[in-house]
Amino acid sequence: MARASSVFAAAAPARARRPAREAAKDALRAACLGGDARGVERRARALETFMLASEWATVERTSEGVWRVAYTNAPAPSNGRLGVFSGASFQVVDATRRRYSNVLSVPPENWLRCELRARWDVLEDDALWLATFESVEIKVFDRFVLGKKVWGEGEVTRVWRTTYVDDDVRVVRAARTREAEAAGAARGRRAREGEDCLFVMTKETPWWEIPTGV
C-alpha cells in the first residue's frame, strides 16, 4: 500500500502541470503567429521547462511524422521562401530509418516543391543529432526537376538539439557545429545563416496528403 501511495503522489504533480503545459503551448503558438523573434524565444524557453526527465529517452520516437514549421529564424528555404515564392515548410521524420526530409511546398496544389533529404546520427543523448545533408531537389508539379544537388559524405552537416517535443508541438535548435549550438549567441534575434536557428513545429497533415474533393 505504501508503494502504491508513493506512485500516486508522484503522479499528482505531473497531472497538476498539464494545464500549465497546455497554456505554455498555446502561448507559443500565438507568439509564432505574431512572428516576434524575442516573444517566440521567450515562450519557447518557457515551454522547454515542461519536458520531463522520462521524456528525453523517447525524443526520436515522438519526433516521428510530419511537422509544419510554425516559426523559424533560419534563412530560406527553411523559412518558407524560395526566391520570390512563399509557401509552407514541413519536416517529414522517419525515426525508424533515422532519415528526414525538409519540404518547402508552394500552393496551390504543391506546384513548386523544394525537398532536402538528410539522415541523422544520435550524439551523446537522444535529443542531440548530427544531421548529414544528402541532396536537395526543386520540382514543378511534382514531375519536372528544375535543379538538383547531391552532397558528398559529410560535406554538409548540422547539429540539431530537440529541446521540447510531445505529440503535437516540437522545438528544435540547430547550428553548424556543436560549439555554436551550445553557445546560443543569437537566441532571440535574427540568426546568422545556419547558426543557432530556432524551429517551432506543429504536427500537421500536409495539404498534398489531404484527399481532394472532400
C-alpha atoms as a PDB file:
ATOM      1  CA  MET A   1       0.000   0.000   0.000  1.00  0.00           C
ATOM      2  CA  ALA A   2       2.857   2.389   0.822  1.00  0.00           C
ATOM      3  CA  ARG A   3       4.357   1.817  -2.616  1.00  0.00           C
ATOM      4  CA  ALA A   4       1.031   2.490  -4.346  1.00  0.00           C
ATOM      5  CA  SER A   5       0.623   5.693  -2.356  1.00  0.00           C
ATOM      6  CA  SER A   6       4.072   6.893  -3.437  1.00  0.00           C
ATOM      7  CA  VAL A   7       3.215   6.214  -7.085  1.00  0.00           C
ATOM      8  CA  PHE A   8       0.035   8.267  -6.845  1.00  0.00           C
ATOM      9  CA  ALA A   9       1.907  11.030  -5.043  1.00  0.00           C
ATOM     10  CA  ALA A  10       4.497  11.181  -7.826  1.00  0.00           C
ATOM     11  CA  ALA A  11       1.781  11.269 -10.476  1.00  0.00           C
ATOM     12  CA  ALA A  12      -0.070  14.150  -8.832  1.00  0.00           C
ATOM     13  CA  PRO A  13       2.482  16.885  -9.705  1.00  0.00           C
ATOM     14  CA  ALA A  14       2.540  15.672 -13.329  1.00  0.00           C
ATOM     15  CA  ARG A  15      -1.258  15.965 -13.526  1.00  0.00           C
ATOM     16  CA  ALA A  16      -1.122  19.413 -11.977  1.00  0.00           C
ATOM     17  CA  ARG A  17       1.406  20.529 -14.604  1.00  0.00           C
ATOM     18  CA  ARG A  18      -0.748  19.537 -17.574  1.00  0.00           C
ATOM     19  CA  PRO A  19      -2.948  22.678 -17.698  1.00  0.00           C
ATOM     20  CA  ALA A  20       0.128  24.893 -17.342  1.00  0.00           C
ATOM     21  CA  ARG A  21       1.899  22.925 -20.052  1.00  0.00           C
ATOM     22  CA  GLU A  22      -1.024  23.287 -22.447  1.00  0.00           C
ATOM     23  CA  ALA A  23      -1.210  27.007 -21.671  1.00  0.00           C
ATOM     24  CA  ALA A  24       2.503  27.332 -22.459  1.00  0.00           C
ATOM     25  CA  LYS A  25       1.954  25.569 -25.784  1.00  0.00           C
ATOM     26  CA  ASP A  26      -0.950  27.870 -26.645  1.00  0.00           C
ATOM     27  CA  ALA A  27       1.159  30.916 -25.769  1.00  0.00           C
ATOM     28  CA  LEU A  28       3.967  29.700 -28.035  1.00  0.00           C
ATOM     29  CA  ARG A  29       1.569  29.074 -30.927  1.00  0.00           C
ATOM     30  CA  ALA A  30       0.176  32.593 -30.542  1.00  0.00           C
ATOM     31  CA  ALA A  31       3.687  34.069 -30.458  1.00  0.00           C
ATOM     32  CA  CYS A  32       4.563  32.211 -33.663  1.00  0.00           C
ATOM     33  CA  LEU A  33       1.594  33.810 -35.414  1.00  0.00           C
ATOM     34  CA  GLY A  34       2.837  37.227 -34.339  1.00  0.00           C
ATOM     35  CA  GLY A  35       6.324  36.471 -35.612  1.00  0.00           C
ATOM     36  CA  ASP A  36       8.184  38.497 -32.978  1.00  0.00           C
ATOM     37  CA  ALA A  37      11.566  36.794 -32.522  1.00  0.00           C
ATOM     38  CA  ARG A  38      12.053  37.744 -28.887  1.00  0.00           C
ATOM     39  CA  GLY A  39       8.483  36.807 -27.998  1.00  0.00           C
ATOM     40  CA  VAL A  40       8.815  33.388 -29.630  1.00  0.00           C
ATOM     41  CA  GLU A  41      12.148  32.805 -27.918  1.00  0.00           C
ATOM     42  CA  ARG A  42      10.686  33.691 -24.526  1.00  0.00           C
ATOM     43  CA  ARG A  43       7.675  31.408 -24.992  1.00  0.00           C
ATOM     44  CA  ALA A  44       9.836  28.580 -26.342  1.00  0.00           C
ATOM     45  CA  ARG A  45      12.084  28.742 -23.298  1.00  0.00           C
ATOM     46  CA  ALA A  46       9.036  28.646 -21.036  1.00  0.00           C
ATOM     47  CA  LEU A  47       7.707  25.532 -22.771  1.00  0.00           C
ATOM     48  CA  GLU A  48      11.090  23.809 -22.648  1.00  0.00           C
ATOM     49  CA  THR A  49      10.890  23.727 -18.847  1.00  0.00           C
ATOM     50  CA  PHE A  50       7.962  21.294 -19.034  1.00  0.00           C
ATOM     51  CA  MET A  51       9.952  18.430 -20.581  1.00  0.00           C
ATOM     52  CA  LEU A  52      10.072  15.590 -18.054  1.00  0.00           C
ATOM     53  CA  ALA A  53      13.228  13.574 -17.432  1.00  0.00           C
ATOM     54  CA  SER A  54      11.451  10.419 -18.608  1.00  0.00           C
ATOM     55  CA  GLU A  55      10.561  12.019 -21.954  1.00  0.00           C
ATOM     56  CA  TRP A  56      14.132  12.579 -23.148  1.00  0.00           C
ATOM     57  CA  ALA A  57      14.585   8.867 -23.858  1.00  0.00           C
ATOM     58  CA  THR A  58      11.699   8.893 -26.357  1.00  0.00           C
ATOM     59  CA  VAL A  59      12.612  12.020 -28.348  1.00  0.00           C
ATOM     60  CA  GLU A  60      13.324  10.085 -31.553  1.00  0.00           C
ATOM     61  CA  ARG A  61      10.102   8.084 -31.414  1.00  0.00           C
ATOM     62  CA  THR A  62       7.961  11.115 -30.539  1.00  0.00           C
ATOM     63  CA  SER A  63       9.527  13.096 -33.410  1.00  0.00           C
ATOM     64  CA  GLU A  64       8.171  10.620 -35.973  1.00  0.00           C
ATOM     65  CA  GLY A  65       5.726  12.074 -38.519  1.00  0.00           C
ATOM     66  CA  VAL A  66       5.099  15.274 -40.460  1.00  0.00           C
ATOM     67  CA  TRP A  67       5.724  18.629 -38.791  1.00  0.00           C
ATOM     68  CA  ARG A  68       4.840  22.044 -40.139  1.00  0.00           C
ATOM     69  CA  VAL A  69       7.287  24.851 -39.371  1.00  0.00           C
ATOM     70  CA  ALA A  70       5.212  27.404 -37.456  1.00  0.00           C
ATOM     71  CA  TYR A  71       8.186  29.702 -36.864  1.00  0.00           C
ATOM     72  CA  THR A  72      11.885  29.828 -37.629  1.00  0.00           C
ATOM     73  CA  ASN A  73      14.580  32.471 -37.759  1.00  0.00           C
ATOM     74  CA  ALA A  74      16.520  30.321 -40.235  1.00  0.00           C
ATOM     75  CA  PRO A  75      17.251  31.560 -43.764  1.00  0.00           C
ATOM     76  CA  ALA A  76      15.450  30.395 -46.925  1.00  0.00           C
ATOM     77  CA  PRO A  77      14.172  27.902 -47.859  1.00  0.00           C
ATOM     78  CA  SER A  78      13.623  26.775 -44.253  1.00  0.00           C
ATOM     79  CA  ASN A  79      11.627  29.957 -43.610  1.00  0.00           C
ATOM     80  CA  GLY A  80       9.053  29.111 -46.280  1.00  0.00           C
ATOM     81  CA  ARG A  81      10.508  31.196 -49.099  1.00  0.00           C
ATOM     82  CA  LEU A  82      12.124  30.172 -52.366  1.00  0.00           C
ATOM     83  CA  GLY A  83      13.166  33.215 -54.339  1.00  0.00           C
ATOM     84  CA  VAL A  84      10.054  35.345 -54.833  1.00  0.00           C
ATOM     85  CA  PHE A  85       7.717  32.482 -53.908  1.00  0.00           C
ATOM     86  CA  SER A  86       6.224  31.842 -50.473  1.00  0.00           C
ATOM     87  CA  GLY A  87       4.877  28.558 -49.195  1.00  0.00           C
ATOM     88  CA  ALA A  88       4.940  26.349 -46.143  1.00  0.00           C
ATOM     89  CA  SER A  89       7.839  24.345 -44.770  1.00  0.00           C
ATOM     90  CA  PHE A  90       7.423  20.845 -43.395  1.00  0.00           C
ATOM     91  CA  GLN A  91       9.782  18.321 -41.865  1.00  0.00           C
ATOM     92  CA  VAL A  92       8.992  14.668 -42.511  1.00  0.00           C
ATOM     93  CA  VAL A  93      10.714  12.453 -39.936  1.00  0.00           C
ATOM     94  CA  ASP A  94      11.268   8.704 -40.314  1.00  0.00           C
ATOM     95  CA  ALA A  95      12.563   7.741 -36.877  1.00  0.00           C
ATOM     96  CA  THR A  96      12.995   4.054 -37.727  1.00  0.00           C
ATOM     97  CA  ARG A  97      15.451   4.799 -40.548  1.00  0.00           C
ATOM     98  CA  ARG A  98      16.810   7.974 -38.917  1.00  0.00           C
ATOM     99  CA  ARG A  99      16.098   9.988 -42.018  1.00  0.00           C
ATOM    100  CA  TYR A 100      14.169  13.197 -42.633  1.00  0.00           C
ATOM    101  CA  SER A 101      13.115  15.499 -45.447  1.00  0.00           C
ATOM    102  CA  ASN A 102      12.670  19.246 -45.276  1.00  0.00           C
ATOM    103  CA  VAL A 103       9.941  20.132 -47.751  1.00  0.00           C
ATOM    104  CA  LEU A 104       9.015  23.612 -48.941  1.00  0.00           C
ATOM    105  CA  SER A 105       5.658  23.432 -50.684  1.00  0.00           C
ATOM    106  CA  VAL A 106       4.146  26.332 -52.614  1.00  0.00           C
ATOM    107  CA  PRO A 107       0.361  26.306 -53.164  1.00  0.00           C
ATOM    108  CA  PRO A 108      -1.887  25.778 -54.938  1.00  0.00           C
ATOM    109  CA  GLU A 109      -1.588  22.014 -55.204  1.00  0.00           C
ATOM    110  CA  ASN A 110       2.093  21.837 -54.326  1.00  0.00           C
ATOM    111  CA  TRP A 111       3.013  23.171 -57.783  1.00  0.00           C
ATOM    112  CA  LEU A 112       6.504  24.187 -56.662  1.00  0.00           C
ATOM    113  CA  ARG A 113       8.380  21.970 -54.255  1.00  0.00           C
ATOM    114  CA  CYS A 114      11.862  22.045 -52.789  1.00  0.00           C
ATOM    115  CA  GLU A 115      12.941  18.970 -50.849  1.00  0.00           C
ATOM    116  CA  LEU A 116      16.129  18.464 -48.861  1.00  0.00           C
ATOM    117  CA  ARG A 117      16.912  14.897 -47.828  1.00  0.00           C
ATOM    118  CA  ALA A 118      19.129  14.082 -44.880  1.00  0.00           C
ATOM    119  CA  ARG A 119      19.904  11.471 -42.275  1.00  0.00           C
ATOM    120  CA  TRP A 120      20.963  11.813 -38.657  1.00  0.00           C
ATOM    121  CA  ASP A 121      23.131  10.103 -36.081  1.00  0.00           C
ATOM    122  CA  VAL A 122      22.442  10.419 -32.373  1.00  0.00           C
ATOM    123  CA  LEU A 123      25.270  12.040 -30.427  1.00  0.00           C
ATOM    124  CA  GLU A 124      25.584  11.827 -26.634  1.00  0.00           C
ATOM    125  CA  ASP A 125      21.839  11.766 -25.940  1.00  0.00           C
ATOM    126  CA  ASP A 126      18.630  11.099 -27.868  1.00  0.00           C
ATOM    127  CA  ALA A 127      17.907  14.811 -28.169  1.00  0.00           C
ATOM    128  CA  LEU A 128      21.195  15.795 -29.866  1.00  0.00           C
ATOM    129  CA  TRP A 129      21.562  14.766 -33.507  1.00  0.00           C
ATOM    130  CA  LEU A 130      24.222  15.223 -36.150  1.00  0.00           C
ATOM    131  CA  ALA A 131      22.303  15.744 -39.399  1.00  0.00           C
ATOM    132  CA  THR A 132      24.092  14.956 -42.656  1.00  0.00           C
ATOM    133  CA  PHE A 133      22.635  16.532 -45.792  1.00  0.00           C
ATOM    134  CA  GLU A 134      22.417  14.214 -48.810  1.00  0.00           C
ATOM    135  CA  SER A 135      20.580  16.025 -51.597  1.00  0.00           C
ATOM    136  CA  VAL A 136      18.241  18.884 -52.456  1.00  0.00           C
ATOM    137  CA  GLU A 137      15.837  18.969 -55.390  1.00  0.00           C
ATOM    138  CA  ILE A 138      13.405  21.512 -56.843  1.00  0.00           C
ATOM    139  CA  LYS A 139      10.389  20.243 -58.782  1.00  0.00           C
ATOM    140  CA  VAL A 140       7.457  21.788 -60.631  1.00  0.00           C
ATOM    141  CA  PHE A 141       4.095  19.989 -60.456  1.00  0.00           C
ATOM    142  CA  ASP A 142       5.928  17.160 -58.667  1.00  0.00           C
ATOM    143  CA  ARG A 143       7.197  15.932 -62.047  1.00  0.00           C
ATOM    144  CA  PHE A 144       9.681  18.260 -63.697  1.00  0.00           C
ATOM    145  CA  VAL A 145      13.048  18.669 -61.998  1.00  0.00           C
ATOM    146  CA  LEU A 146      14.326  22.250 -62.174  1.00  0.00           C
ATOM    147  CA  GLY A 147      17.516  21.543 -60.267  1.00  0.00           C
ATOM    148  CA  LYS A 148      19.197  19.003 -58.039  1.00  0.00           C
ATOM    149  CA  LYS A 149      22.335  18.974 -55.904  1.00  0.00           C
ATOM    150  CA  VAL A 150      23.928  15.951 -54.248  1.00  0.00           C
ATOM    151  CA  TRP A 151      26.465  16.394 -51.439  1.00  0.00           C
ATOM    152  CA  GLY A 152      29.385  14.111 -50.697  1.00  0.00           C
ATOM    153  CA  GLU A 153      29.573  12.117 -47.484  1.00  0.00           C
ATOM    154  CA  GLY A 154      29.878  14.513 -44.554  1.00  0.00           C
ATOM    155  CA  GLU A 155      30.216  17.561 -46.817  1.00  0.00           C
ATOM    156  CA  VAL A 156      27.350  19.460 -45.162  1.00  0.00           C
ATOM    157  CA  THR A 157      26.258  18.752 -41.595  1.00  0.00           C
ATOM    158  CA  ARG A 158      24.185  20.451 -38.915  1.00  0.00           C
ATOM    159  CA  VAL A 159      23.717  19.861 -35.207  1.00  0.00           C
ATOM    160  CA  TRP A 160      20.084  19.549 -34.130  1.00  0.00           C
ATOM    161  CA  ARG A 161      19.043  19.684 -30.481  1.00  0.00           C
ATOM    162  CA  THR A 162      15.427  18.915 -29.618  1.00  0.00           C
ATOM    163  CA  THR A 163      14.552  20.985 -26.563  1.00  0.00           C
ATOM    164  CA  TYR A 164      10.855  20.082 -26.402  1.00  0.00           C
ATOM    165  CA  VAL A 165       8.634  17.535 -28.127  1.00  0.00           C
ATOM    166  CA  ASP A 166       5.255  15.962 -27.484  1.00  0.00           C
ATOM    167  CA  ASP A 167       2.535  14.611 -29.750  1.00  0.00           C
ATOM    168  CA  ASP A 168       1.753  17.944 -31.405  1.00  0.00           C
ATOM    169  CA  VAL A 169       4.486  20.536 -30.701  1.00  0.00           C
ATOM    170  CA  ARG A 170       8.227  20.314 -31.290  1.00  0.00           C
ATOM    171  CA  VAL A 171      11.001  22.821 -30.563  1.00  0.00           C
ATOM    172  CA  VAL A 172      14.420  22.323 -32.158  1.00  0.00           C
ATOM    173  CA  ARG A 173      17.583  24.419 -32.109  1.00  0.00           C
ATOM    174  CA  ALA A 174      20.121  23.962 -34.910  1.00  0.00           C
ATOM    175  CA  ALA A 175      23.625  25.153 -35.715  1.00  0.00           C
ATOM    176  CA  ARG A 176      26.575  24.282 -37.931  1.00  0.00           C
ATOM    177  CA  THR A 177      28.657  22.897 -35.068  1.00  0.00           C
ATOM    178  CA  ARG A 178      28.159  21.591 -31.531  1.00  0.00           C
ATOM    179  CA  GLU A 179      30.090  24.564 -30.190  1.00  0.00           C
ATOM    180  CA  ALA A 180      27.811  27.032 -31.972  1.00  0.00           C
ATOM    181  CA  GLU A 181      24.691  25.203 -30.792  1.00  0.00           C
ATOM    182  CA  ALA A 182      25.908  25.308 -27.212  1.00  0.00           C
ATOM    183  CA  ALA A 183      26.862  28.987 -27.367  1.00  0.00           C
ATOM    184  CA  GLY A 184      23.432  30.179 -28.489  1.00  0.00           C
ATOM    185  CA  ALA A 185      24.791  33.644 -29.232  1.00  0.00           C
ATOM    186  CA  ALA A 186      21.924  34.709 -31.473  1.00  0.00           C
ATOM    187  CA  ARG A 187      18.976  33.486 -29.415  1.00  0.00           C
ATOM    188  CA  GLY A 188      16.001  35.797 -29.556  1.00  0.00           C
ATOM    189  CA  ARG A 189      17.436  37.686 -32.517  1.00  0.00           C
ATOM    190  CA  ARG A 190      17.854  37.084 -36.225  1.00  0.00           C
ATOM    191  CA  ALA A 191      20.232  34.145 -36.579  1.00  0.00           C
ATOM    192  CA  ARG A 192      23.350  34.234 -38.673  1.00  0.00           C
ATOM    193  CA  GLU A 193      22.966  31.929 -41.649  1.00  0.00           C
ATOM    194  CA  GLY A 194      22.962  28.377 -40.369  1.00  0.00           C
ATOM    195  CA  GLU A 195      23.790  29.314 -36.775  1.00  0.00           C
ATOM    196  CA  ASP A 196      21.573  28.981 -33.704  1.00  0.00           C
ATOM    197  CA  CYS A 197      18.374  28.614 -35.697  1.00  0.00           C
ATOM    198  CA  LEU A 198      15.170  28.112 -33.721  1.00  0.00           C
ATOM    199  CA  PHE A 199      12.424  25.936 -35.180  1.00  0.00           C
ATOM    200  CA  VAL A 200       8.942  25.665 -33.684  1.00  0.00           C
ATOM    201  CA  MET A 201       6.922  22.932 -35.383  1.00  0.00           C
ATOM    202  CA  THR A 202       3.401  21.577 -35.062  1.00  0.00           C
ATOM    203  CA  LYS A 203       2.155  18.140 -36.088  1.00  0.00           C
ATOM    204  CA  GLU A 204       0.039  18.580 -39.190  1.00  0.00           C
ATOM    205  CA  THR A 205      -1.111  16.683 -42.272  1.00  0.00           C
ATOM    206  CA  PRO A 206       0.395  18.480 -45.297  1.00  0.00           C
ATOM    207  CA  TRP A 207      -2.009  19.654 -47.949  1.00  0.00           C
ATOM    208  CA  TRP A 208      -0.543  17.337 -50.580  1.00  0.00           C
ATOM    209  CA  GLU A 209      -1.779  14.372 -48.496  1.00  0.00           C
ATOM    210  CA  ILE A 210      -5.291  15.736 -47.922  1.00  0.00           C
ATOM    211  CA  PRO A 211      -7.800  13.993 -50.250  1.00  0.00           C
ATOM    212  CA  THR A 212      -9.257  16.319 -52.879  1.00  0.00           C
ATOM    213  CA  GLY A 213     -12.985  16.776 -53.318  1.00  0.00           C
ATOM    214  CA  VAL A 214     -13.732  16.141 -49.639  1.00  0.00           C
END
